Amino acid sequence: MSASGIAPVSATYPPKEHVTSVAPRPWLPLTLLLLGVVLLSLAVGAVSVPPLALAGSLLDLVGLDIGHKLESVQQAVLWSIRLPRVALGIMVGAVLATCGAALQALFRNPLVEPGLLGTSSGAALGAVTAIVMDVALSAHLGPLRLLAVPLAAFLGALGATLLAHRLGAGGGRTETARILLAGVAVSAGAGAGIGLLTQLATDAQLRSITFWSWGSLGGASWQVVGAATVPLLVALALLLREARTLNLLLLGEREAWHLGVDVERLKRRLILSAALGVGAAVSVSGVIGFVGLLVPALLRLALGPDHRRLLGASALLGASLLVGADLLARTAAIPAELPVGALTSVLGVPVFIALLSRKGAA
């Protein structure tokens, strides 16, 4: 039992072997990895974009002509489809991974991910509601009904997280264990609501619900990127600025309070920032699992628990993971496209099992 009266969820968090070690600087390799994945994603697909022509098109923006340019079809595919898709994947992957790292520190549990607060389930319930009510919405909203699903998902995510936070607050203080339990309850309720709504859906709506529930970047456009940029970047900035206080929180709530951290306000800031980020991410890409769980867990083993490195590294690796998974999703079964959330889960489950086995063996 800690001094704050809350038993630590994991007795080995943070891992002892990393507390005093000097972590490597991850910025250069992770940045190069992201750059490589982005260039590969821009070049590979049903319409091939040769690397030299891709480089010539990008350099042409700054007035440099190297003699290689894209054909009209390649130009249209690059600027209208792949670039917005990659940009959205970078932001969504970075935010999901950073939210996962911050929440794992808040709950002092490396198994926590944003979905445990009910955020993803709430977003799914909001989106499914909008999909099933499409006919009614089109009569009242007209062309604006295209915004109904992402807006409903965003509001559902915020509402579910606020409800879990409200249920977890007792006696004037927020108890992390109660928030997790409240999140499980909210997720179960949202799942029940989704199940009832699917009984009212048509066949076309069921296909949309199924594909949206597994996540996809296929709906990316410059308009979607523009609408999602502000909430995603604001949430990312709010989380990154908490690196120092998260390090202090790892010492224990009472110890962090004595060092000048307002623990209750910190909890509210982290939970609301995560809700903003995950809600915005899910509203434009659907539910994409495992990024917020796997990326921080891997990096914590490699870099240690220092959040001054961990948060930024999680953003870079999360972006690389999602852009790479999206590349695989749209090229593995051309002309069909696989749901990217299913791929992140397929890739993540074996790695996570290996991490658990390694932890148990240690």
Protein backbone atom coordinates (compact mmCIF):
# COMPACT_ATOMS: atom_id res chain seq x y z
CA MET A 1 0.00 0.00 0.00
CA SER A 2 1.43 3.33 -1.04
CA ALA A 3 1.46 6.41 1.15
CA SER A 4 -1.49 7.78 -0.78
CA GLY A 5 -3.64 4.81 0.24
CA ILE A 6 -3.74 3.25 -3.23
CA ALA A 7 -1.98 -0.04 -3.83
CA PRO A 8 0.29 0.03 -6.88
CA VAL A 9 -1.24 -1.88 -9.75
CA SER A 10 2.10 -3.38 -10.69
CA ALA A 11 4.87 -3.94 -8.20
CA THR A 12 7.47 -3.84 -10.97
CA TYR A 13 6.42 -0.55 -12.53
CA PRO A 14 8.66 1.14 -13.48
CA PRO A 15 11.09 -1.72 -14.19
CA LYS A 16 13.90 -1.65 -11.63
CA GLU A 17 16.59 -2.44 -14.15
CA HIS A 18 15.93 0.85 -15.94
CA VAL A 19 15.69 3.23 -13.03
CA THR A 20 19.37 4.01 -12.81
CA SER A 21 20.48 3.13 -16.32
CA VAL A 22 21.43 5.77 -18.86
CA ALA A 23 18.93 5.49 -21.68
CA PRO A 24 20.10 5.95 -25.27
CA ARG A 25 19.00 8.96 -27.29
CA PRO A 26 16.30 7.64 -29.60
CA TRP A 27 15.57 10.67 -31.76
CA LEU A 28 17.78 10.01 -34.79
CA PRO A 29 16.93 6.31 -35.38
CA LEU A 30 13.21 6.85 -34.76
CA THR A 31 13.12 9.89 -37.05
CA LEU A 32 14.94 7.98 -39.79
CA LEU A 33 12.54 5.06 -39.33
CA LEU A 34 9.53 7.36 -39.71
CA LEU A 35 11.04 9.04 -42.76
CA GLY A 36 11.72 5.68 -44.40
CA VAL A 37 8.20 4.37 -43.72
CA VAL A 38 6.65 7.60 -45.04
CA LEU A 39 8.65 7.50 -48.28
CA LEU A 40 7.84 3.82 -48.77
CA SER A 41 4.14 4.48 -48.15
CA LEU A 42 4.13 7.32 -50.69
CA ALA A 43 5.88 5.22 -53.34
CA VAL A 44 4.17 1.82 -53.04
CA GLY A 45 0.60 0.99 -53.99
CA ALA A 46 -1.72 0.03 -56.83
CA VAL A 47 -0.22 2.98 -58.74
CA SER A 48 3.55 2.86 -58.38
CA VAL A 49 5.39 6.14 -57.79
CA PRO A 50 9.10 5.79 -58.73
CA PRO A 51 11.44 7.13 -56.03
CA LEU A 52 13.25 9.53 -58.39
CA ALA A 53 9.98 10.92 -59.69
CA LEU A 54 8.71 11.23 -56.12
CA ALA A 55 11.84 13.11 -55.09
CA GLY A 56 11.58 15.34 -58.16
CA SER A 57 7.96 16.19 -57.37
CA LEU A 58 8.78 17.07 -53.77
CA LEU A 59 11.88 19.11 -54.67
CA ASP A 60 9.89 20.96 -57.34
CA LEU A 61 7.95 22.58 -54.49
CA VAL A 62 11.09 24.44 -53.41
CA GLY A 63 12.12 25.36 -56.94
CA LEU A 64 14.62 22.55 -57.59
CA ASP A 65 14.37 20.65 -60.89
CA ILE A 66 16.26 17.33 -61.03
CA GLY A 67 14.77 16.24 -64.35
CA HIS A 68 12.39 13.61 -62.97
CA LYS A 69 8.69 14.33 -62.61
CA LEU A 70 5.53 12.36 -61.99
CA GLU A 71 2.96 11.57 -64.63
CA SER A 72 -0.50 13.13 -64.23
CA VAL A 73 -2.05 9.99 -62.72
CA GLN A 74 0.85 9.54 -60.31
CA GLN A 75 0.64 13.23 -59.38
CA ALA A 76 -3.07 12.93 -58.60
CA VAL A 77 -2.58 9.77 -56.53
CA LEU A 78 0.31 11.29 -54.58
CA TRP A 79 -1.21 14.66 -53.72
CA SER A 80 -4.90 13.75 -53.42
CA ILE A 81 -4.75 10.28 -51.82
CA ARG A 82 -1.43 9.21 -50.36
CA LEU A 83 -0.10 12.42 -48.82
CA PRO A 84 -3.27 13.17 -46.79
CA ARG A 85 -3.47 9.51 -45.80
CA VAL A 86 0.12 9.49 -44.58
CA ALA A 87 -0.32 12.83 -42.78
CA LEU A 88 -3.40 11.51 -40.98
CA GLY A 89 -1.62 8.26 -40.09
CA ILE A 90 1.32 10.16 -38.60
CA MET A 91 -0.89 12.30 -36.37
CA VAL A 92 -3.25 9.51 -35.29
CA GLY A 93 -0.42 7.05 -34.56
CA ALA A 94 1.56 9.65 -32.62
CA VAL A 95 -1.41 10.66 -30.48
CA LEU A 96 -2.56 7.10 -29.71
CA ALA A 97 0.92 6.01 -28.64
CA THR A 98 1.56 9.13 -26.55
CA CYS A 99 -1.83 8.80 -24.84
CA GLY A 100 -0.98 5.20 -23.99
CA ALA A 101 2.39 6.16 -22.50
CA ALA A 102 0.87 8.93 -20.39
CA LEU A 103 -1.99 6.78 -19.09
CA GLN A 104 0.37 3.93 -18.23
CA ALA A 105 2.32 6.35 -16.08
CA LEU A 106 -0.82 7.77 -14.51
CA PHE A 107 -2.17 4.35 -13.54
CA ARG A 108 1.32 2.93 -12.89
CA ASN A 109 0.44 -0.07 -15.02
CA PRO A 110 2.12 -1.01 -18.33
CA LEU A 111 -1.03 -2.86 -19.45
CA VAL A 112 -3.22 0.25 -19.57
CA GLU A 113 -4.25 1.67 -22.91
CA PRO A 114 -6.73 4.42 -23.87
CA GLY A 115 -9.57 2.00 -24.56
CA LEU A 116 -9.73 0.98 -20.89
CA LEU A 117 -11.24 4.36 -19.99
CA GLY A 118 -14.19 3.71 -22.30
CA THR A 119 -12.97 6.29 -24.82
CA SER A 120 -12.85 3.98 -27.84
CA SER A 121 -16.13 2.26 -26.96
CA GLY A 122 -17.86 5.61 -26.48
CA ALA A 123 -16.59 6.78 -29.85
CA ALA A 124 -17.81 3.56 -31.45
CA LEU A 125 -21.27 3.99 -29.91
CA GLY A 126 -21.49 7.57 -31.17
CA ALA A 127 -20.39 6.59 -34.67
CA VAL A 128 -22.73 3.60 -34.89
CA THR A 129 -25.62 5.77 -33.73
CA ALA A 130 -24.91 8.27 -36.50
CA ILE A 131 -24.57 5.50 -39.11
CA VAL A 132 -27.89 3.89 -38.14
CA MET A 133 -29.64 7.30 -38.08
CA ASP A 134 -28.24 8.25 -41.49
CA VAL A 135 -31.66 8.65 -43.13
CA ALA A 136 -32.97 10.93 -40.35
CA LEU A 137 -29.75 12.95 -40.29
CA SER A 138 -29.74 13.45 -44.07
CA ALA A 139 -33.23 14.96 -43.87
CA HIS A 140 -32.13 17.57 -41.32
CA LEU A 141 -28.45 18.15 -42.09
CA GLY A 142 -28.33 17.82 -45.87
CA PRO A 143 -24.73 17.81 -47.14
CA LEU A 144 -23.43 18.35 -43.58
CA ARG A 145 -24.44 14.78 -42.75
CA LEU A 146 -20.95 13.72 -43.92
CA LEU A 147 -19.67 15.25 -40.69
CA ALA A 148 -22.21 13.42 -38.53
CA VAL A 149 -20.21 10.20 -37.97
CA PRO A 150 -16.87 11.80 -36.98
CA LEU A 151 -18.62 14.41 -34.82
CA ALA A 152 -20.76 11.79 -33.10
CA ALA A 153 -17.68 9.62 -32.50
CA PHE A 154 -15.78 12.55 -31.00
CA LEU A 155 -18.65 13.49 -28.69
CA GLY A 156 -19.15 9.84 -27.72
CA ALA A 157 -15.48 9.50 -26.78
CA LEU A 158 -15.51 12.64 -24.65
CA GLY A 159 -18.81 11.71 -23.02
CA ALA A 160 -17.67 8.19 -22.12
CA THR A 161 -14.36 9.41 -20.66
CA LEU A 162 -16.01 12.16 -18.63
CA LEU A 163 -18.54 9.63 -17.31
CA ALA A 164 -15.76 7.23 -16.28
CA HIS A 165 -13.88 10.09 -14.62
CA ARG A 166 -17.00 11.24 -12.81
CA LEU A 167 -17.74 7.73 -11.54
CA GLY A 168 -14.12 7.34 -10.44
CA ALA A 169 -14.12 10.54 -8.39
CA GLY A 170 -15.02 9.97 -4.77
CA GLY A 171 -14.54 12.01 -1.63
CA GLY A 172 -13.08 14.94 -3.54
CA ARG A 173 -10.22 12.90 -5.01
CA THR A 174 -9.82 10.80 -8.13
CA GLU A 175 -8.97 7.17 -7.49
CA THR A 176 -7.21 5.53 -10.41
CA ALA A 177 -8.49 2.04 -9.58
CA ARG A 178 -12.09 3.28 -9.55
CA ILE A 179 -11.60 5.07 -12.87
CA LEU A 180 -10.40 1.85 -14.49
CA LEU A 181 -13.38 -0.05 -13.12
CA ALA A 182 -15.71 2.73 -14.26
CA GLY A 183 -14.09 2.60 -17.69
CA VAL A 184 -14.74 -1.13 -17.92
CA ALA A 185 -18.39 -0.54 -16.98
CA VAL A 186 -18.77 2.29 -19.51
CA SER A 187 -17.18 0.12 -22.22
CA ALA A 188 -19.58 -2.71 -21.43
CA GLY A 189 -22.56 -0.37 -21.59
CA ALA A 190 -21.38 1.11 -24.89
CA GLY A 191 -20.87 -2.40 -26.27
CA ALA A 192 -24.42 -3.32 -25.33
CA GLY A 193 -25.73 -0.18 -27.03
CA ILE A 194 -23.76 -1.00 -30.19
CA GLY A 195 -25.19 -4.53 -30.16
CA LEU A 196 -28.75 -3.20 -29.98
CA LEU A 197 -28.16 -0.63 -32.73
CA THR A 198 -26.70 -3.20 -35.10
CA GLN A 199 -30.02 -5.05 -34.97
CA LEU A 200 -31.64 -1.97 -36.52
CA ALA A 201 -29.00 -1.49 -39.21
CA THR A 202 -29.36 -2.35 -42.87
CA ASP A 203 -26.87 -4.58 -44.69
CA ALA A 204 -25.03 -1.56 -46.09
CA GLN A 205 -24.90 0.05 -42.66
CA LEU A 206 -23.60 -3.18 -41.12
CA ARG A 207 -20.70 -3.23 -43.58
CA SER A 208 -19.90 0.37 -42.72
CA ILE A 209 -20.13 -0.35 -38.99
CA THR A 210 -17.88 -3.42 -39.26
CA PHE A 211 -15.20 -1.65 -41.29
CA TRP A 212 -15.33 1.50 -39.13
CA SER A 213 -15.09 -0.54 -35.93
CA TRP A 214 -11.78 -2.03 -37.09
CA GLY A 215 -10.31 1.28 -38.20
CA SER A 216 -9.15 2.64 -41.54
CA LEU A 217 -7.32 5.62 -43.01
CA GLY A 218 -9.16 5.15 -46.30
CA GLY A 219 -11.35 8.19 -45.71
CA ALA A 220 -8.38 10.56 -45.46
CA SER A 221 -8.54 13.78 -47.44
CA TRP A 222 -7.07 17.22 -47.00
CA GLN A 223 -10.40 18.36 -45.51
CA VAL A 224 -10.31 15.55 -42.93
CA VAL A 225 -6.65 16.27 -42.15
CA GLY A 226 -7.44 19.95 -41.69
CA ALA A 227 -10.34 19.24 -39.35
CA ALA A 228 -8.36 16.75 -37.25
CA THR A 229 -5.06 18.62 -37.05
CA VAL A 230 -5.98 21.11 -34.30
CA PRO A 231 -7.44 18.68 -31.71
CA LEU A 232 -4.78 16.05 -32.40
CA LEU A 233 -1.83 18.44 -32.13
CA VAL A 234 -3.31 20.21 -29.09
CA ALA A 235 -3.74 16.87 -27.29
CA LEU A 236 -0.20 15.84 -28.26
CA ALA A 237 1.27 19.13 -27.00
CA LEU A 238 -0.66 18.91 -23.71
CA LEU A 239 0.66 15.41 -23.06
CA LEU A 240 4.27 16.13 -24.03
CA ARG A 241 4.46 19.06 -21.62
CA GLU A 242 3.63 16.74 -18.70
CA ALA A 243 6.84 14.69 -19.04
CA ARG A 244 8.48 16.07 -15.89
CA THR A 245 5.39 15.73 -13.70
CA LEU A 246 4.87 12.16 -14.91
CA ASN A 247 8.40 11.35 -13.79
CA LEU A 248 7.59 12.74 -10.35
CA LEU A 249 4.31 10.80 -10.24
CA LEU A 250 6.23 7.54 -10.62
CA LEU A 251 7.66 8.15 -7.15
CA GLY A 252 4.17 7.91 -5.67
CA GLU A 253 1.27 10.32 -5.29
CA ARG A 254 2.25 11.59 -1.83
CA GLU A 255 5.88 12.04 -2.87
CA ALA A 256 4.83 13.92 -6.03
CA TRP A 257 2.57 16.16 -3.93
CA HIS A 258 5.45 17.01 -1.60
CA LEU A 259 7.53 17.92 -4.65
CA GLY A 260 4.96 20.45 -5.76
CA VAL A 261 2.70 18.45 -8.09
CA ASP A 262 -1.05 19.00 -7.74
CA VAL A 263 -1.86 15.33 -8.27
CA GLU A 264 -5.63 15.73 -8.63
CA ARG A 265 -5.29 18.45 -11.26
CA LEU A 266 -2.66 16.37 -13.04
CA LYS A 267 -5.01 13.40 -13.21
CA ARG A 268 -7.78 15.54 -14.67
CA ARG A 269 -5.44 17.13 -17.22
CA LEU A 270 -4.08 13.78 -18.38
CA ILE A 271 -7.47 12.09 -18.65
CA LEU A 272 -9.07 15.00 -20.51
CA SER A 273 -6.06 15.40 -22.82
CA ALA A 274 -6.17 11.69 -23.61
CA ALA A 275 -9.92 11.90 -24.23
CA LEU A 276 -9.40 14.83 -26.61
CA GLY A 277 -6.65 13.03 -28.51
CA VAL A 278 -8.24 9.59 -28.70
CA GLY A 279 -11.66 11.06 -29.47
CA ALA A 280 -10.25 13.08 -32.36
CA ALA A 281 -8.23 10.09 -33.60
CA VAL A 282 -11.14 7.64 -33.49
CA SER A 283 -13.47 10.16 -35.12
CA VAL A 284 -11.37 10.25 -38.31
CA SER A 285 -9.86 6.76 -38.42
CA GLY A 286 -12.19 4.45 -36.53
CA VAL A 287 -11.11 2.24 -33.65
CA ILE A 288 -7.44 1.26 -34.01
CA GLY A 289 -6.26 -0.91 -31.17
CA PHE A 290 -2.90 -1.89 -29.73
CA VAL A 291 -0.91 1.17 -30.81
CA GLY A 292 -1.39 2.85 -27.43
CA LEU A 293 -0.45 -0.34 -25.58
CA LEU A 294 2.35 -1.90 -27.58
CA VAL A 295 4.47 1.12 -28.50
CA PRO A 296 5.01 2.49 -24.95
CA ALA A 297 5.62 -1.03 -23.59
CA LEU A 298 8.38 -1.69 -26.12
CA LEU A 299 9.99 1.70 -25.66
CA ARG A 300 9.90 1.48 -21.88
CA LEU A 301 11.96 -1.69 -22.09
CA ALA A 302 14.44 -0.05 -24.44
CA LEU A 303 14.64 3.47 -22.99
CA GLY A 304 13.55 3.19 -19.38
CA PRO A 305 10.80 5.12 -17.58
CA ASP A 306 12.06 8.68 -18.19
CA HIS A 307 9.07 10.38 -19.85
CA ARG A 308 11.22 13.19 -21.24
CA ARG A 309 12.37 10.56 -23.73
CA LEU A 310 9.47 8.12 -23.60
CA LEU A 311 6.65 10.45 -24.66
CA GLY A 312 8.42 11.88 -27.70
CA ALA A 313 9.78 8.49 -28.71
CA SER A 314 6.28 7.01 -28.42
CA ALA A 315 4.94 9.68 -30.78
CA LEU A 316 7.60 8.89 -33.40
CA LEU A 317 7.30 5.10 -33.17
CA GLY A 318 3.49 5.22 -33.01
CA ALA A 319 3.43 7.27 -36.21
CA SER A 320 5.79 4.82 -37.92
CA LEU A 321 3.78 1.81 -36.78
CA LEU A 322 0.44 3.14 -38.02
CA VAL A 323 1.75 4.41 -41.36
CA GLY A 324 3.49 1.07 -41.91
CA ALA A 325 0.37 -0.90 -40.94
CA ASP A 326 -1.72 1.22 -43.29
CA LEU A 327 0.74 0.52 -46.13
CA LEU A 328 0.35 -3.20 -45.49
CA ALA A 329 -3.44 -2.88 -45.23
CA ARG A 330 -3.84 -1.29 -48.66
CA THR A 331 -1.25 -3.39 -50.52
CA ALA A 332 -1.62 -6.90 -49.05
CA ALA A 333 -4.85 -7.72 -50.93
CA ILE A 334 -5.05 -5.27 -53.86
CA PRO A 335 -7.64 -4.16 -54.98
CA ALA A 336 -9.30 -4.86 -51.62
CA GLU A 337 -8.22 -3.02 -48.48
CA LEU A 338 -7.82 -4.64 -45.08
CA PRO A 339 -8.91 -2.87 -41.86
CA VAL A 340 -5.78 -1.34 -40.35
CA GLY A 341 -6.99 -1.90 -36.78
CA ALA A 342 -7.13 -5.65 -37.41
CA LEU A 343 -3.56 -5.57 -38.70
CA THR A 344 -2.22 -3.66 -35.69
CA SER A 345 -3.85 -6.25 -33.46
CA VAL A 346 -2.48 -9.18 -35.49
CA LEU A 347 1.00 -7.67 -35.40
CA GLY A 348 0.75 -6.58 -31.78
CA VAL A 349 -0.63 -9.67 -30.05
CA PRO A 350 2.41 -11.94 -30.62
CA VAL A 351 4.83 -9.18 -29.63
CA PHE A 352 2.86 -8.42 -26.51
CA ILE A 353 2.70 -12.11 -25.56
CA ALA A 354 6.48 -12.25 -25.99
CA LEU A 355 6.83 -9.22 -23.72
CA LEU A 356 4.67 -10.87 -21.07
CA SER A 357 6.71 -14.10 -21.33
CA ARG A 358 9.94 -12.15 -21.02
CA LYS A 359 8.59 -10.35 -17.97
CA GLY A 360 7.49 -13.60 -16.39
CA ALA A 361 10.83 -15.23 -17.06
CA ALA A 362 12.63 -12.27 -15.50
